[in-house]
């Protein structure tokens, strides 16, 4: 288990001996040092004792592995895809490197409000990998197009928006697109 015992102790202005004496029952500075450096296994009981001694929560002493957060590139609603009004991210426990997310705010096509779509950006020479898949296509002025990539010809992409009655849109030479690779739907 990774801990932040030393960082929290120093931030609180406490010495090893201060923490050892505040423990119930009291401990030694050497034991606290070994717990900080990983020379001694840190049990839940020790985490609780040290947290009480430093007057912090047990969560403050535990360092969780950093999960990747996906930056939200677009927000999809009934009125189409748009850039978020402020920076957003979604928590992704095992996101592919370079992935971005699209969050759904209103049901559209097969997607429901609350869905998160994980997308892998593709360079122009790889657009063919996204044929017949849902894609995010950047447009000028921070706008986006979301839909099914139905054709690619001479640098032009033909995208069919989700839902009934959508008109096929053509985008010329986008600098990148992002292919949907995972749908995250909360239950």
Protein backbone atom coordinates (compact mmCIF):
# COMPACT_ATOMS: atom_id res chain seq x y z
CA UNK A 1 0.00 0.00 0.00
CA UNK A 2 1.37 3.42 -0.93
CA UNK A 3 1.12 5.96 1.84
CA UNK A 4 1.55 9.68 2.30
CA UNK A 5 2.47 9.41 5.99
CA UNK A 6 5.70 11.39 5.68
CA UNK A 7 4.17 14.13 3.51
CA UNK A 8 1.23 14.58 5.88
CA UNK A 9 3.48 14.53 8.98
CA UNK A 10 5.74 17.21 7.49
CA UNK A 11 2.77 19.30 6.33
CA UNK A 12 1.39 19.20 9.88
CA UNK A 13 4.81 20.33 11.25
CA UNK A 14 5.28 17.19 13.34
CA UNK A 15 8.47 15.27 14.06
CA UNK A 16 8.72 11.49 14.10
CA UNK A 17 8.87 11.64 17.88
CA UNK A 18 5.76 13.89 18.06
CA UNK A 19 3.72 11.36 16.09
CA UNK A 20 5.10 8.40 18.05
CA UNK A 21 4.15 10.00 21.39
CA UNK A 22 0.65 10.92 20.14
CA UNK A 23 -0.11 7.35 19.07
CA UNK A 24 -2.42 5.34 21.34
CA UNK A 25 -0.71 3.33 22.68
CA UNK A 26 2.51 5.36 22.28
CA UNK A 27 5.10 4.12 19.81
CA UNK A 28 8.69 5.02 18.88
CA UNK A 29 10.10 7.45 16.32
CA UNK A 30 11.94 4.50 14.74
CA UNK A 31 8.67 2.59 14.18
CA UNK A 32 6.99 5.65 12.62
CA UNK A 33 10.02 6.12 10.36
CA UNK A 34 9.86 2.49 9.22
CA UNK A 35 6.15 2.84 8.48
CA UNK A 36 6.80 6.03 6.46
CA UNK A 37 9.57 4.47 4.36
CA UNK A 38 7.90 1.12 3.79
CA UNK A 39 10.50 -0.77 5.83
CA UNK A 40 7.60 -2.02 7.93
CA UNK A 41 4.23 -3.15 6.56
CA UNK A 42 1.49 -0.60 7.13
CA UNK A 43 -1.70 -2.24 8.35
CA UNK A 44 -5.12 -0.67 8.54
CA UNK A 45 -4.70 -0.55 12.33
CA UNK A 46 -1.47 1.47 11.92
CA UNK A 47 -3.08 3.82 9.40
CA UNK A 48 -5.89 4.48 11.90
CA UNK A 49 -3.44 5.05 14.77
CA UNK A 50 -1.28 7.44 12.74
CA UNK A 51 -4.29 9.33 11.40
CA UNK A 52 -5.58 9.86 14.94
CA UNK A 53 -2.11 10.91 16.12
CA UNK A 54 -1.83 13.52 13.35
CA UNK A 55 -5.50 14.57 13.56
CA UNK A 56 -6.25 13.77 9.90
CA UNK A 57 -8.55 11.31 8.15
CA UNK A 58 -7.27 7.88 7.23
CA UNK A 59 -7.89 8.73 3.56
CA UNK A 60 -5.31 11.52 3.87
CA UNK A 61 -2.63 8.92 4.58
CA UNK A 62 -3.39 6.54 1.71
CA UNK A 63 -2.16 7.25 -1.80
CA UNK A 64 -4.19 5.53 -4.49
CA UNK A 65 -2.65 4.72 -7.87
CA UNK A 66 -3.38 7.48 -10.33
CA UNK A 67 -6.14 6.53 -12.73
CA UNK A 68 -6.23 8.30 -16.03
CA UNK A 69 -8.87 10.99 -16.42
CA UNK A 70 -10.16 11.48 -19.93
CA UNK A 71 -10.59 15.09 -21.01
CA UNK A 72 -14.07 15.68 -22.40
CA UNK A 73 -13.70 16.88 -25.99
CA UNK A 74 -17.41 17.36 -26.65
CA UNK A 75 -20.81 17.23 -25.03
CA UNK A 76 -23.52 15.47 -27.04
CA UNK A 77 -27.14 16.54 -26.70
CA UNK A 78 -30.33 16.64 -28.73
CA UNK A 79 -29.01 19.74 -30.47
CA UNK A 80 -25.77 18.02 -31.57
CA UNK A 81 -22.21 17.94 -30.30
CA UNK A 82 -20.58 21.02 -28.81
CA UNK A 83 -17.44 21.90 -26.91
CA UNK A 84 -17.89 21.93 -23.12
CA UNK A 85 -18.35 25.37 -21.58
CA UNK A 86 -15.59 24.65 -19.05
CA UNK A 87 -12.92 21.93 -18.81
CA UNK A 88 -14.44 18.55 -17.98
CA UNK A 89 -13.04 15.09 -17.51
CA UNK A 90 -14.40 11.63 -16.87
CA UNK A 91 -12.79 9.07 -14.62
CA UNK A 92 -11.33 6.24 -16.62
CA UNK A 93 -9.75 3.38 -14.72
CA UNK A 94 -7.98 1.99 -17.77
CA UNK A 95 -8.19 4.54 -20.55
CA UNK A 96 -6.20 3.93 -23.70
CA UNK A 97 -3.30 6.39 -24.12
CA UNK A 98 -4.39 9.60 -25.86
CA UNK A 99 -8.11 8.84 -25.52
CA UNK A 100 -10.75 11.57 -25.17
CA UNK A 101 -14.34 11.34 -24.00
CA UNK A 102 -17.73 12.52 -25.15
CA UNK A 103 -20.43 12.89 -22.51
CA UNK A 104 -24.12 12.63 -23.40
CA UNK A 105 -26.48 15.14 -21.79
CA UNK A 106 -29.67 14.25 -23.65
CA UNK A 107 -30.85 11.06 -25.32
CA UNK A 108 -29.91 10.99 -28.99
CA UNK A 109 -29.95 7.92 -31.24
CA UNK A 110 -28.76 4.89 -29.28
CA UNK A 111 -27.25 7.04 -26.55
CA UNK A 112 -28.85 8.01 -23.24
CA UNK A 113 -28.25 10.96 -20.95
CA UNK A 114 -25.34 10.11 -18.66
CA UNK A 115 -23.49 7.92 -21.17
CA UNK A 116 -19.76 8.41 -21.62
CA UNK A 117 -18.12 7.52 -24.92
CA UNK A 118 -14.39 6.84 -24.96
CA UNK A 119 -12.78 7.74 -28.24
CA UNK A 120 -9.35 7.21 -29.78
CA UNK A 121 -8.05 10.07 -31.94
CA UNK A 122 -6.98 9.09 -35.47
CA UNK A 123 -4.73 10.90 -37.90
CA UNK A 124 -5.96 11.36 -41.49
CA UNK A 125 -4.03 8.33 -42.78
CA UNK A 126 -6.01 6.12 -40.37
CA UNK A 127 -9.57 7.36 -41.04
CA UNK A 128 -10.46 4.13 -42.86
CA UNK A 129 -10.24 2.32 -39.49
CA UNK A 130 -13.32 4.24 -38.40
CA UNK A 131 -15.61 3.38 -41.33
CA UNK A 132 -19.05 2.29 -40.12
CA UNK A 133 -18.18 3.41 -36.56
CA UNK A 134 -19.32 6.41 -34.55
CA UNK A 135 -16.82 9.25 -34.68
CA UNK A 136 -16.23 12.73 -33.32
CA UNK A 137 -15.16 15.19 -36.02
CA UNK A 138 -13.84 18.66 -35.13
CA UNK A 139 -15.39 21.59 -36.97
CA UNK A 140 -14.32 25.26 -37.04
CA UNK A 141 -14.91 27.53 -34.03
CA UNK A 142 -14.77 24.79 -31.40
CA UNK A 143 -17.75 22.89 -32.74
CA UNK A 144 -17.97 19.15 -33.35
CA UNK A 145 -19.91 16.69 -35.44
CA UNK A 146 -20.86 13.32 -33.96
CA UNK A 147 -22.17 10.46 -36.05
CA UNK A 148 -21.48 7.32 -38.07
CA UNK A 149 -18.64 7.60 -40.60
CA UNK A 150 -20.30 6.12 -43.70
CA UNK A 151 -17.77 7.03 -46.39
CA UNK A 152 -14.39 8.59 -47.04
CA UNK A 153 -13.36 9.91 -50.43
CA UNK A 154 -10.77 12.42 -51.63
CA UNK A 155 -10.22 13.91 -48.16
CA UNK A 156 -13.95 14.28 -47.54
CA UNK A 157 -15.68 12.41 -44.74
CA UNK A 158 -19.39 11.61 -44.92
CA UNK A 159 -20.99 11.38 -41.48
CA UNK A 160 -24.56 10.36 -40.65
CA UNK A 161 -25.77 11.96 -37.37
CA UNK A 162 -27.50 9.65 -34.85
CA UNK A 163 -31.25 9.37 -34.64
CA UNK A 164 -33.97 9.25 -37.26
CA UNK A 165 -34.10 11.80 -40.06
CA UNK A 166 -30.52 13.00 -39.77
CA UNK A 167 -29.02 14.47 -42.94
CA UNK A 168 -25.63 13.17 -44.03
CA UNK A 169 -22.93 15.81 -43.51
CA UNK A 170 -19.67 16.12 -45.42
CA UNK A 171 -16.53 17.46 -43.79
CA UNK A 172 -13.47 18.32 -45.87
CA UNK A 173 -9.99 17.48 -44.57
CA UNK A 174 -10.48 17.45 -40.78
CA UNK A 175 -7.09 17.45 -38.98
CA UNK A 176 -8.15 14.45 -36.86
CA UNK A 177 -11.17 12.41 -35.87
CA UNK A 178 -11.83 10.28 -32.81
CA UNK A 179 -13.35 6.79 -33.18
CA UNK A 180 -15.66 5.57 -30.41
CA UNK A 181 -14.15 2.54 -28.71
CA UNK A 182 -16.13 2.19 -25.49
CA UNK A 183 -19.56 3.11 -24.18
CA UNK A 184 -19.73 3.62 -20.41
CA UNK A 185 -23.32 3.53 -19.20
CA UNK A 186 -24.16 3.87 -15.54
CA UNK A 187 -26.71 1.44 -14.19
